[in-house]
Amino acid sequence: MKEETRNRFDRQLERVIDRLPEKIRLLIGEIPLVVEDFPSRKILREQGLDDPLLLCGLFEGIPCMGDDFEESPWSSGVRSPVIYLYRMGMMDASRNPETGRINPKRLREEIRITILHEIGHYYGMDEEELEEYGYD
């Protein structure tokens, strides 16, 4: 990816984060956001995907609550939670199919939804619950 394109995306990301509710921004301060162009081959295999453009974000770690939460001495600190954001997946999802151009407003919405979706996973929400809230 060209540096200019990466910088444009990152400016949109910062704009979205600045406009999130304060509680969400504080939470983002506790959970690292790692921004990459594409997911790794390993992550694609783990997710059962062939096309890296199909993945916009990923939560890794032990949820803080929910069905997958395991409170034990062995789970504590084993895998710190992290949210991955994938530039190319979100940019592709924001592309106008007729013109091939990325719609900046749609990109900001895609970034916002992806961040909230992955934070939902941090809180133990599954895909069905996230869909109910419109974060799919």
Foldseek 3Di string as FASTA:
>chain_A
DDPVLVVVLVVLLVVLLVPDPPVLVVVCVQADEAEEQFDDPVVCVVVVHDDRLQDFKAKDAQAPDEPRHDDDPVRPPPDGIHMYGHNNNLQQVQADPVPRHGDSVSSSVSSNLSSVVNVVVSNHDDPVVSVVVVSD
